Amino acid sequence: MIKFFTEKDIREKVSMKEAIGLMKEAFVQLSTHAATVPIRTLITTPDELGCALYMPSYSPAYQLFGLKMVSVFDKNVGMPAIQGNMLIMDGKNGTPLALLEAEYLTALRTGAASGLATELLSQEDAHVLAIFGTGIQAETQLEGVINVREIRRVIVFGRTAEHVTSFCKRLSEKFSIGIHPAKFLDELKQADIICTATTSLTPVFESTYLKSRVHINGVGSFKPTMQEIPSEVIKNACLVVDQYETALTEAGDILIPIAQGVIDKHHIRAELGEIISGYKKGKTQSDQITVFKSVGNAIQDLAIASALV
């Protein structure tokens, strides 16, 4: 009988710390081509107010097939912006094994990937985190980072003061950390780590507000037309991605600077899995900004599903 895992089940059975560990193996599988992960299919509504994504994957190591189907409707009222499910099938005989609710699954694996990237690329003495966004993705970005760095202060930037205040109050209580609404953009200069988890079409900050050695996790933009991080920042950063192929197909934070002639595809330093396995190194200059640009990958979902089934 097929099993159904709700958001509650996933929260209870897979901690953020465990998810970060699962991401290490998943990204190595991806970079060594041990897993099969085709480019996902994106279908957008005619009015461009929403889209659906279909993400297949197969891992011989897990002996599982996966297909995650999610919709993204940013302007939803009274319901989540991201909704969907993931179907898991036995890699030995094709039997359907499980169906997983995908909203929190997506947020968990995205936060875990940023936690892993932060552990590998940020300064060990990083204590101040800035977050752009107030949704569930922003929440798991925070949780991923605090699992790998001793964060003492969090500054939150958002579109509406009400959402920012609510986010700060709720997560301050949950994680017992000082989490504060940003009053001015120049507060970003205090940040050692920045996470962007928005659906913005244009950069959410300027390069002048960054300190040297800052690490940035850019996870919000997942279309060629979306850009959270300024082209100038990408140009001057040590740029690491989840997967070359998807980054050069879907990531506006990279494709827009390429179209502008600011960088070319060879500017990408490494995939995260290549750094984990020791095949490539991260930054070479001690004061260089680091950027982990992720559009998300189905192998991440399959890694968490494997732990559940």
C-alpha atoms as a PDB file:
ATOM      1  CA  MET A   1       0.000   0.000   0.000  1.00  0.00           C
ATOM      2  CA  ILE A   2       1.356   3.415  -0.924  1.00  0.00           C
ATOM      3  CA  LYS A   3       2.378   5.577   2.063  1.00  0.00           C
ATOM      4  CA  PHE A   4       1.407   9.234   2.408  1.00  0.00           C
ATOM      5  CA  PHE A   5       3.757  11.628   4.201  1.00  0.00           C
ATOM      6  CA  THR A   6       2.225  14.913   5.313  1.00  0.00           C
ATOM      7  CA  GLU A   7       4.115  18.099   6.101  1.00  0.00           C
ATOM      8  CA  LYS A   8       3.811  17.157   9.792  1.00  0.00           C
ATOM      9  CA  ASP A   9       5.378  13.749   9.112  1.00  0.00           C
ATOM     10  CA  ILE A  10       8.320  15.303   7.271  1.00  0.00           C
ATOM     11  CA  ARG A  11       8.893  17.896   9.992  1.00  0.00           C
ATOM     12  CA  GLU A  12       8.889  15.194  12.674  1.00  0.00           C
ATOM     13  CA  LYS A  13      11.007  12.611  10.859  1.00  0.00           C
ATOM     14  CA  VAL A  14      13.722  14.725   9.152  1.00  0.00           C
ATOM     15  CA  SER A  15      15.441  17.504  11.096  1.00  0.00           C
ATOM     16  CA  MET A  16      17.293  20.327   9.389  1.00  0.00           C
ATOM     17  CA  LYS A  17      20.590  18.924  10.646  1.00  0.00           C
ATOM     18  CA  GLU A  18      19.762  15.537   9.099  1.00  0.00           C
ATOM     19  CA  ALA A  19      18.661  17.209   5.870  1.00  0.00           C
ATOM     20  CA  ILE A  20      21.997  19.047   5.580  1.00  0.00           C
ATOM     21  CA  GLY A  21      23.782  15.705   5.886  1.00  0.00           C
ATOM     22  CA  LEU A  22      21.531  14.207   3.210  1.00  0.00           C
ATOM     23  CA  MET A  23      22.366  17.086   0.864  1.00  0.00           C
ATOM     24  CA  LYS A  24      26.077  16.223   0.982  1.00  0.00           C
ATOM     25  CA  GLU A  25      25.496  12.817  -0.579  1.00  0.00           C
ATOM     26  CA  ALA A  26      22.865  14.163  -2.984  1.00  0.00           C
ATOM     27  CA  PHE A  27      25.095  16.876  -4.457  1.00  0.00           C
ATOM     28  CA  VAL A  28      28.020  14.483  -4.865  1.00  0.00           C
ATOM     29  CA  GLN A  29      25.698  12.119  -6.782  1.00  0.00           C
ATOM     30  CA  LEU A  30      24.666  15.047  -8.957  1.00  0.00           C
ATOM     31  CA  SER A  31      28.202  16.239  -9.736  1.00  0.00           C
ATOM     32  CA  THR A  32      29.532  12.736 -10.422  1.00  0.00           C
ATOM     33  CA  HIS A  33      26.541  11.948 -12.678  1.00  0.00           C
ATOM     34  CA  ALA A  34      25.665   8.993 -10.460  1.00  0.00           C
ATOM     35  CA  ALA A  35      22.048  10.189 -10.443  1.00  0.00           C
ATOM     36  CA  THR A  36      19.829  10.974 -13.418  1.00  0.00           C
ATOM     37  CA  VAL A  37      18.093  14.346 -13.108  1.00  0.00           C
ATOM     38  CA  PRO A  38      16.596  15.756 -16.335  1.00  0.00           C
ATOM     39  CA  ILE A  39      15.940  19.483 -16.654  1.00  0.00           C
ATOM     40  CA  ARG A  40      12.570  20.185 -15.080  1.00  0.00           C
ATOM     41  CA  THR A  41       9.551  21.186 -17.141  1.00  0.00           C
ATOM     42  CA  LEU A  42       8.074  24.626 -16.431  1.00  0.00           C
ATOM     43  CA  ILE A  43       4.570  25.557 -17.557  1.00  0.00           C
ATOM     44  CA  THR A  44       3.427  29.152 -16.994  1.00  0.00           C
ATOM     45  CA  THR A  45      -0.161  30.434 -17.105  1.00  0.00           C
ATOM     46  CA  PRO A  46      -0.993  32.879 -19.931  1.00  0.00           C
ATOM     47  CA  ASP A  47      -1.247  35.786 -17.467  1.00  0.00           C
ATOM     48  CA  GLU A  48       2.111  34.728 -15.928  1.00  0.00           C
ATOM     49  CA  LEU A  49       0.624  34.877 -12.430  1.00  0.00           C
ATOM     50  CA  GLY A  50       1.447  31.252 -11.733  1.00  0.00           C
ATOM     51  CA  CYS A  51       3.336  28.240 -12.957  1.00  0.00           C
ATOM     52  CA  ALA A  52       3.729  24.511 -12.476  1.00  0.00           C
ATOM     53  CA  LEU A  53       7.036  22.638 -12.335  1.00  0.00           C
ATOM     54  CA  TYR A  54       7.598  18.928 -12.967  1.00  0.00           C
ATOM     55  CA  MET A  55      10.859  17.510 -11.617  1.00  0.00           C
ATOM     56  CA  PRO A  56      11.866  13.876 -12.309  1.00  0.00           C
ATOM     57  CA  SER A  57      14.832  12.074 -10.756  1.00  0.00           C
ATOM     58  CA  TYR A  58      16.407   8.638 -10.402  1.00  0.00           C
ATOM     59  CA  SER A  59      19.159   7.469  -8.057  1.00  0.00           C
ATOM     60  CA  PRO A  60      20.702   3.975  -8.218  1.00  0.00           C
ATOM     61  CA  ALA A  61      22.188   4.645  -4.766  1.00  0.00           C
ATOM     62  CA  TYR A  62      18.709   5.146  -3.286  1.00  0.00           C
ATOM     63  CA  GLN A  63      17.103   2.661  -5.717  1.00  0.00           C
ATOM     64  CA  LEU A  64      14.287   5.142  -6.174  1.00  0.00           C
ATOM     65  CA  PHE A  65      12.520   7.091  -8.896  1.00  0.00           C
ATOM     66  CA  GLY A  66      10.934  10.426  -7.981  1.00  0.00           C
ATOM     67  CA  LEU A  67       8.614  12.929  -9.605  1.00  0.00           C
ATOM     68  CA  LYS A  68       7.842  16.167  -7.805  1.00  0.00           C
ATOM     69  CA  MET A  69       5.029  18.359  -9.093  1.00  0.00           C
ATOM     70  CA  VAL A  70       4.603  21.822  -7.589  1.00  0.00           C
ATOM     71  CA  SER A  71       2.735  24.993  -8.456  1.00  0.00           C
ATOM     72  CA  VAL A  72       3.920  28.499  -7.604  1.00  0.00           C
ATOM     73  CA  PHE A  73       1.300  31.257  -7.324  1.00  0.00           C
ATOM     74  CA  ASP A  74       2.870  34.197  -5.484  1.00  0.00           C
ATOM     75  CA  LYS A  75      -0.337  36.191  -5.137  1.00  0.00           C
ATOM     76  CA  ASN A  76      -2.367  33.424  -3.465  1.00  0.00           C
ATOM     77  CA  VAL A  77      -4.504  34.660  -0.586  1.00  0.00           C
ATOM     78  CA  GLY A  78      -5.479  32.271   2.184  1.00  0.00           C
ATOM     79  CA  MET A  79      -3.474  29.397   0.743  1.00  0.00           C
ATOM     80  CA  PRO A  80       0.235  28.621   0.277  1.00  0.00           C
ATOM     81  CA  ALA A  81       2.146  30.124  -2.651  1.00  0.00           C
ATOM     82  CA  ILE A  82       3.815  26.744  -3.255  1.00  0.00           C
ATOM     83  CA  GLN A  83       1.687  23.589  -3.381  1.00  0.00           C
ATOM     84  CA  GLY A  84       2.246  20.093  -4.719  1.00  0.00           C
ATOM     85  CA  ASN A  85       3.219  16.481  -4.138  1.00  0.00           C
ATOM     86  CA  MET A  86       6.080  14.117  -4.856  1.00  0.00           C
ATOM     87  CA  LEU A  87       5.581  10.545  -6.053  1.00  0.00           C
ATOM     88  CA  ILE A  88       8.226   7.955  -5.122  1.00  0.00           C
ATOM     89  CA  MET A  89       8.587   4.627  -6.960  1.00  0.00           C
ATOM     90  CA  ASP A  90      10.767   1.592  -6.292  1.00  0.00           C
ATOM     91  CA  GLY A  91      13.837   1.661  -8.543  1.00  0.00           C
ATOM     92  CA  LYS A  92      13.964  -2.156  -8.694  1.00  0.00           C
ATOM     93  CA  ASN A  93      10.451  -2.923  -9.883  1.00  0.00           C
ATOM     94  CA  GLY A  94       8.646   0.400 -10.416  1.00  0.00           C
ATOM     95  CA  THR A  95       6.138  -0.071  -7.609  1.00  0.00           C
ATOM     96  CA  PRO A  96       4.709   3.225  -6.282  1.00  0.00           C
ATOM     97  CA  LEU A  97       5.901   3.510  -2.683  1.00  0.00           C
ATOM     98  CA  ALA A  98       4.971   6.914  -1.324  1.00  0.00           C
ATOM     99  CA  LEU A  99       3.375  10.289  -1.916  1.00  0.00           C
ATOM    100  CA  LEU A 100       4.833  13.299  -0.085  1.00  0.00           C
ATOM    101  CA  GLU A 101       3.347  16.742   0.453  1.00  0.00           C
ATOM    102  CA  ALA A 102       5.796  19.019  -1.313  1.00  0.00           C
ATOM    103  CA  GLU A 103       5.489  22.526   0.166  1.00  0.00           C
ATOM    104  CA  TYR A 104       7.588  21.946   3.275  1.00  0.00           C
ATOM    105  CA  LEU A 105       9.691  19.297   1.510  1.00  0.00           C
ATOM    106  CA  THR A 106      10.776  21.981  -0.982  1.00  0.00           C
ATOM    107  CA  ALA A 107      11.523  24.500   1.748  1.00  0.00           C
ATOM    108  CA  LEU A 108      13.433  21.939   3.843  1.00  0.00           C
ATOM    109  CA  ARG A 109      15.737  20.778   1.061  1.00  0.00           C
ATOM    110  CA  THR A 110      16.334  24.375  -0.071  1.00  0.00           C
ATOM    111  CA  GLY A 111      17.247  25.515   3.434  1.00  0.00           C
ATOM    112  CA  ALA A 112      19.458  22.458   3.904  1.00  0.00           C
ATOM    113  CA  ALA A 113      21.331  23.200   0.653  1.00  0.00           C
ATOM    114  CA  SER A 114      21.974  26.764   1.805  1.00  0.00           C
ATOM    115  CA  GLY A 115      23.099  25.488   5.188  1.00  0.00           C
ATOM    116  CA  LEU A 116      25.578  23.188   3.462  1.00  0.00           C
ATOM    117  CA  ALA A 117      26.800  25.968   1.155  1.00  0.00           C
ATOM    118  CA  THR A 118      27.154  28.296   4.134  1.00  0.00           C
ATOM    119  CA  GLU A 119      29.224  25.690   5.970  1.00  0.00           C
ATOM    120  CA  LEU A 120      31.548  25.305   2.969  1.00  0.00           C
ATOM    121  CA  LEU A 121      31.816  28.902   1.747  1.00  0.00           C
ATOM    122  CA  SER A 122      31.160  31.403   4.563  1.00  0.00           C
ATOM    123  CA  GLN A 123      33.582  32.672   7.177  1.00  0.00           C
ATOM    124  CA  GLU A 124      33.686  30.529  10.303  1.00  0.00           C
ATOM    125  CA  ASP A 125      33.348  33.639  12.478  1.00  0.00           C
ATOM    126  CA  ALA A 126      30.129  34.771  10.732  1.00  0.00           C
ATOM    127  CA  HIS A 127      27.598  35.940  13.333  1.00  0.00           C
ATOM    128  CA  VAL A 128      25.135  38.259  11.529  1.00  0.00           C
ATOM    129  CA  LEU A 129      22.579  36.981   9.031  1.00  0.00           C
ATOM    130  CA  ALA A 130      20.386  39.070   6.731  1.00  0.00           C
ATOM    131  CA  ILE A 131      17.312  37.571   5.057  1.00  0.00           C
ATOM    132  CA  PHE A 132      15.251  38.927   2.174  1.00  0.00           C
ATOM    133  CA  GLY A 133      11.773  37.386   2.271  1.00  0.00           C
ATOM    134  CA  THR A 134       9.277  36.332   4.925  1.00  0.00           C
ATOM    135  CA  GLY A 135       7.768  33.114   3.570  1.00  0.00           C
ATOM    136  CA  ILE A 136       8.440  29.483   4.428  1.00  0.00           C
ATOM    137  CA  GLN A 137      11.546  29.500   2.220  1.00  0.00           C
ATOM    138  CA  ALA A 138      12.973  32.378   4.270  1.00  0.00           C
ATOM    139  CA  GLU A 139      12.237  30.445   7.466  1.00  0.00           C
ATOM    140  CA  THR A 140      14.173  27.364   6.375  1.00  0.00           C
ATOM    141  CA  GLN A 141      17.009  29.538   5.054  1.00  0.00           C
ATOM    142  CA  LEU A 142      17.385  30.871   8.583  1.00  0.00           C
ATOM    143  CA  GLU A 143      17.197  27.393  10.087  1.00  0.00           C
ATOM    144  CA  GLY A 144      19.753  26.009   7.640  1.00  0.00           C
ATOM    145  CA  VAL A 145      22.269  28.751   8.432  1.00  0.00           C
ATOM    146  CA  ILE A 146      21.917  28.595  12.219  1.00  0.00           C
ATOM    147  CA  ASN A 147      22.658  24.862  12.081  1.00  0.00           C
ATOM    148  CA  VAL A 148      26.161  25.529  10.738  1.00  0.00           C
ATOM    149  CA  ARG A 149      27.119  28.967  12.099  1.00  0.00           C
ATOM    150  CA  GLU A 150      26.784  30.676  15.476  1.00  0.00           C
ATOM    151  CA  ILE A 151      24.340  33.396  14.449  1.00  0.00           C
ATOM    152  CA  ARG A 152      23.752  36.066  17.090  1.00  0.00           C
ATOM    153  CA  ARG A 153      21.673  38.573  15.123  1.00  0.00           C
ATOM    154  CA  VAL A 154      19.273  38.304  12.176  1.00  0.00           C
ATOM    155  CA  ILE A 155      18.073  41.269  10.097  1.00  0.00           C
ATOM    156  CA  VAL A 156      14.959  40.750   7.968  1.00  0.00           C
ATOM    157  CA  PHE A 157      13.987  42.671   4.828  1.00  0.00           C
ATOM    158  CA  GLY A 158      10.525  42.312   3.302  1.00  0.00           C
ATOM    159  CA  ARG A 159       7.905  44.037   1.180  1.00  0.00           C
ATOM    160  CA  THR A 160       5.417  44.735   3.982  1.00  0.00           C
ATOM    161  CA  ALA A 161       6.180  45.826   7.533  1.00  0.00           C
ATOM    162  CA  GLU A 162       3.366  43.664   8.889  1.00  0.00           C
ATOM    163  CA  HIS A 163       4.790  40.460   7.393  1.00  0.00           C
ATOM    164  CA  VAL A 164       8.326  41.302   8.519  1.00  0.00           C
ATOM    165  CA  THR A 165       7.234  42.046  12.092  1.00  0.00           C
ATOM    166  CA  SER A 166       5.209  38.832  12.302  1.00  0.00           C
ATOM    167  CA  PHE A 167       8.087  36.777  10.856  1.00  0.00           C
ATOM    168  CA  CYS A 168      10.589  38.243  13.331  1.00  0.00           C
ATOM    169  CA  LYS A 169       8.350  37.721  16.351  1.00  0.00           C
ATOM    170  CA  ARG A 170       7.459  34.126  15.478  1.00  0.00           C
ATOM    171  CA  LEU A 171      10.980  32.983  14.636  1.00  0.00           C
ATOM    172  CA  SER A 172      12.607  34.830  17.543  1.00  0.00           C
ATOM    173  CA  GLU A 173      10.437  32.732  19.825  1.00  0.00           C
ATOM    174  CA  LYS A 174      11.063  29.533  17.876  1.00  0.00           C
ATOM    175  CA  PHE A 175      14.858  29.775  17.669  1.00  0.00           C
ATOM    176  CA  SER A 176      15.664  32.022  20.686  1.00  0.00           C
ATOM    177  CA  ILE A 177      17.761  34.397  18.541  1.00  0.00           C
ATOM    178  CA  GLY A 178      17.543  38.163  18.158  1.00  0.00           C
ATOM    179  CA  ILE A 179      15.630  38.589  14.880  1.00  0.00           C
ATOM    180  CA  HIS A 180      14.832  42.190  13.918  1.00  0.00           C
ATOM    181  CA  PRO A 181      13.037  44.029  11.098  1.00  0.00           C
ATOM    182  CA  ALA A 182      15.397  46.104   8.963  1.00  0.00           C
ATOM    183  CA  LYS A 183      14.714  49.837   9.044  1.00  0.00           C
ATOM    184  CA  PHE A 184      17.227  50.897   6.382  1.00  0.00           C
ATOM    185  CA  LEU A 185      18.966  49.061   3.550  1.00  0.00           C
ATOM    186  CA  ASP A 186      22.413  50.116   4.796  1.00  0.00           C
ATOM    187  CA  GLU A 187      21.919  47.737   7.740  1.00  0.00           C
ATOM    188  CA  LEU A 188      22.932  45.109   5.212  1.00  0.00           C
ATOM    189  CA  LYS A 189      26.533  46.251   5.726  1.00  0.00           C
ATOM    190  CA  GLN A 190      26.473  44.413   9.069  1.00  0.00           C
ATOM    191  CA  ALA A 191      25.714  41.034   7.480  1.00  0.00           C
ATOM    192  CA  ASP A 192      28.270  38.231   7.247  1.00  0.00           C
ATOM    193  CA  ILE A 193      25.738  35.982   5.470  1.00  0.00           C
ATOM    194  CA  ILE A 194      22.810  36.977   3.242  1.00  0.00           C
ATOM    195  CA  CYS A 195      19.938  34.769   2.082  1.00  0.00           C
ATOM    196  CA  THR A 196      17.589  35.948  -0.661  1.00  0.00           C
ATOM    197  CA  ALA A 197      14.297  34.055  -0.823  1.00  0.00           C
ATOM    198  CA  THR A 198      12.028  36.299  -2.893  1.00  0.00           C
ATOM    199  CA  THR A 199      10.344  36.209  -6.295  1.00  0.00           C
ATOM    200  CA  SER A 200      11.768  39.567  -7.335  1.00  0.00           C
ATOM    201  CA  LEU A 201      12.437  40.350 -10.984  1.00  0.00           C
ATOM    202  CA  THR A 202      15.057  42.945 -10.072  1.00  0.00           C
ATOM    203  CA  PRO A 203      17.967  42.933  -7.553  1.00  0.00           C
ATOM    204  CA  VAL A 204      16.874  43.340  -3.939  1.00  0.00           C
ATOM    205  CA  PHE A 205      20.044  45.166  -2.851  1.00  0.00           C
ATOM    206  CA  GLU A 206      23.041  47.059  -4.279  1.00  0.00           C
ATOM    207  CA  SER A 207      26.694  46.024  -4.176  1.00  0.00           C
ATOM    208  CA  THR A 208      27.624  49.140  -2.176  1.00  0.00           C
ATOM    209  CA  TYR A 209      25.828  47.680   0.852  1.00  0.00           C
ATOM    210  CA  LEU A 210      28.005  44.569   1.089  1.00  0.00           C
ATOM    211  CA  LYS A 211      31.023  43.994   3.307  1.00  0.00           C
ATOM    212  CA  SER A 212      34.000  42.042   2.019  1.00  0.00           C
ATOM    213  CA  ARG A 213      33.953  38.256   2.601  1.00  0.00           C
ATOM    214  CA  VAL A 214      30.152  38.164   2.837  1.00  0.00           C
ATOM    215  CA  HIS A 215      28.512  34.930   1.720  1.00  0.00           C
ATOM    216  CA  ILE A 216      25.228  35.019  -0.227  1.00  0.00           C
ATOM    217  CA  ASN A 217      22.712  32.212  -0.744  1.00  0.00           C
ATOM    218  CA  GLY A 218      20.440  33.119  -3.657  1.00  0.00           C
ATOM    219  CA  VAL A 219      17.482  30.728  -3.784  1.00  0.00           C
ATOM    220  CA  GLY A 220      14.463  32.791  -4.813  1.00  0.00           C
ATOM    221  CA  SER A 221      14.866  33.264  -8.558  1.00  0.00           C
ATOM    222  CA  PHE A 222      14.135  30.135 -10.589  1.00  0.00           C
ATOM    223  CA  LYS A 223      13.345  31.627 -14.014  1.00  0.00           C
ATOM    224  CA  PRO A 224      15.631  33.345 -16.574  1.00  0.00           C
ATOM    225  CA  THR A 225      13.696  36.594 -16.052  1.00  0.00           C
ATOM    226  CA  MET A 226      14.101  36.715 -12.259  1.00  0.00           C
ATOM    227  CA  GLN A 227      17.077  38.422 -10.595  1.00  0.00           C
ATOM    228  CA  GLU A 228      17.679  38.928  -6.868  1.00  0.00           C
ATOM    229  CA  ILE A 229      21.446  39.514  -6.905  1.00  0.00           C
ATOM    230  CA  PRO A 230      23.042  42.470  -8.798  1.00  0.00           C
ATOM    231  CA  SER A 231      25.099  41.582 -11.871  1.00  0.00           C
ATOM    232  CA  GLU A 232      28.089  43.441 -10.425  1.00  0.00           C
ATOM    233  CA  VAL A 233      28.036  41.233  -7.345  1.00  0.00           C
ATOM    234  CA  ILE A 234      27.921  38.078  -9.465  1.00  0.00           C
ATOM    235  CA  LYS A 235      30.850  39.413 -11.540  1.00  0.00           C
ATOM    236  CA  ASN A 236      33.089  39.948  -8.504  1.00  0.00           C
ATOM    237  CA  ALA A 237      32.063  36.849  -6.553  1.00  0.00           C
ATOM    238  CA  CYS A 238      33.263  33.294  -6.298  1.00  0.00           C
ATOM    239  CA  LEU A 239      30.171  31.761  -7.879  1.00  0.00           C
ATOM    240  CA  VAL A 240      29.081  28.235  -6.923  1.00  0.00           C
ATOM    241  CA  VAL A 241      25.936  26.532  -8.239  1.00  0.00           C
ATOM    242  CA  ASP A 242      23.904  23.408  -7.531  1.00  0.00           C
ATOM    243  CA  GLN A 243      24.241  22.159 -11.126  1.00  0.00           C
ATOM    244  CA  TYR A 244      25.854  23.759 -14.196  1.00  0.00           C
ATOM    245  CA  GLU A 245      23.113  22.731 -16.612  1.00  0.00           C
ATOM    246  CA  THR A 246      20.202  24.060 -14.595  1.00  0.00           C
ATOM    247  CA  ALA A 247      22.053  27.231 -13.590  1.00  0.00           C
ATOM    248  CA  LEU A 248      22.713  28.034 -17.247  1.00  0.00           C
ATOM    249  CA  THR A 249      19.138  27.219 -18.235  1.00  0.00           C
ATOM    250  CA  GLU A 250      17.017  28.671 -15.428  1.00  0.00           C
ATOM    251  CA  ALA A 251      18.948  31.040 -13.141  1.00  0.00           C
ATOM    252  CA  GLY A 252      18.248  34.673 -14.026  1.00  0.00           C
ATOM    253  CA  ASP A 253      20.876  35.716 -11.479  1.00  0.00           C
ATOM    254  CA  ILE A 254      23.423  34.169 -13.866  1.00  0.00           C
ATOM    255  CA  LEU A 255      21.713  34.381 -17.266  1.00  0.00           C
ATOM    256  CA  ILE A 256      21.013  38.127 -17.007  1.00  0.00           C
ATOM    257  CA  PRO A 257      24.682  39.045 -16.322  1.00  0.00           C
ATOM    258  CA  ILE A 258      25.679  36.750 -19.211  1.00  0.00           C
ATOM    259  CA  ALA A 259      23.222  38.530 -21.531  1.00  0.00           C
ATOM    260  CA  GLN A 260      24.618  41.879 -20.365  1.00  0.00           C
ATOM    261  CA  GLY A 261      28.137  40.755 -21.228  1.00  0.00           C
ATOM    262  CA  VAL A 262      29.216  41.101 -17.591  1.00  0.00           C
ATOM    263  CA  ILE A 263      30.282  37.435 -17.270  1.00  0.00           C
ATOM    264  CA  ASP A 264      30.322  34.284 -19.362  1.00  0.00           C
ATOM    265  CA  LYS A 265      29.424  30.723 -18.395  1.00  0.00           C
ATOM    266  CA  HIS A 266      33.004  29.986 -17.362  1.00  0.00           C
ATOM    267  CA  HIS A 267      32.643  32.430 -14.464  1.00  0.00           C
ATOM    268  CA  ILE A 268      30.975  29.661 -12.436  1.00  0.00           C
ATOM    269  CA  ARG A 269      33.715  28.351 -10.138  1.00  0.00           C
ATOM    270  CA  ALA A 270      32.191  24.999  -9.204  1.00  0.00           C
ATOM    271  CA  GLU A 271      29.179  22.907  -8.403  1.00  0.00           C
ATOM    272  CA  LEU A 272      28.572  22.371  -4.701  1.00  0.00           C
ATOM    273  CA  GLY A 273      29.115  18.615  -5.127  1.00  0.00           C
ATOM    274  CA  GLU A 274      32.554  19.225  -6.674  1.00  0.00           C
ATOM    275  CA  ILE A 275      33.626  21.163  -3.576  1.00  0.00           C
ATOM    276  CA  ILE A 276      32.244  18.512  -1.213  1.00  0.00           C
ATOM    277  CA  SER A 277      34.153  15.756  -3.018  1.00  0.00           C
ATOM    278  CA  GLY A 278      37.356  17.823  -3.129  1.00  0.00           C
ATOM    279  CA  TYR A 279      37.426  17.897  -6.929  1.00  0.00           C
ATOM    280  CA  LYS A 280      37.353  21.710  -6.898  1.00  0.00           C
ATOM    281  CA  LYS A 281      38.013  24.423  -4.327  1.00  0.00           C
ATOM    282  CA  GLY A 282      35.894  27.408  -3.394  1.00  0.00           C
ATOM    283  CA  LYS A 283      37.213  30.942  -3.354  1.00  0.00           C
ATOM    284  CA  THR A 284      40.898  31.695  -3.885  1.00  0.00           C
ATOM    285  CA  GLN A 285      40.950  35.248  -2.485  1.00  0.00           C
ATOM    286  CA  SER A 286      40.468  35.691   1.259  1.00  0.00           C
ATOM    287  CA  ASP A 287      38.381  38.865   0.926  1.00  0.00           C
ATOM    288  CA  GLN A 288      36.225  37.662  -1.966  1.00  0.00           C
ATOM    289  CA  ILE A 289      32.437  37.543  -1.770  1.00  0.00           C
ATOM    290  CA  THR A 290      30.977  34.057  -2.250  1.00  0.00           C
ATOM    291  CA  VAL A 291      27.628  33.315  -3.878  1.00  0.00           C
ATOM    292  CA  PHE A 292      25.759  30.025  -3.879  1.00  0.00           C
ATOM    293  CA  LYS A 293      23.134  30.248  -6.601  1.00  0.00           C
ATOM    294  CA  SER A 294      20.527  27.516  -6.432  1.00  0.00           C
ATOM    295  CA  VAL A 295      17.408  26.931  -8.512  1.00  0.00           C
ATOM    296  CA  GLY A 296      16.740  23.683  -6.671  1.00  0.00           C
ATOM    297  CA  ASN A 297      17.275  20.155  -7.900  1.00  0.00           C
ATOM    298  CA  ALA A 298      15.086  17.051  -7.739  1.00  0.00           C
ATOM    299  CA  ILE A 299      17.935  14.935  -6.327  1.00  0.00           C
ATOM    300  CA  GLN A 300      17.613  17.000  -3.135  1.00  0.00           C
ATOM    301  CA  ASP A 301      13.969  15.987  -2.783  1.00  0.00           C
ATOM    302  CA  LEU A 302      14.805  12.366  -3.548  1.00  0.00           C
ATOM    303  CA  ALA A 303      17.481  12.356  -0.838  1.00  0.00           C
ATOM    304  CA  ILE A 304      14.954  13.374   1.802  1.00  0.00           C
ATOM    305  CA  ALA A 305      12.354  10.968   0.399  1.00  0.00           C
ATOM    306  CA  SER A 306      14.881   8.136   0.650  1.00  0.00           C
ATOM    307  CA  ALA A 307      15.288   8.822   4.350  1.00  0.00           C
ATOM    308  CA  LEU A 308      11.500   8.672   4.787  1.00  0.00           C
ATOM    309  CA  VAL A 309      10.736   5.522   2.800  1.00  0.00           C
END
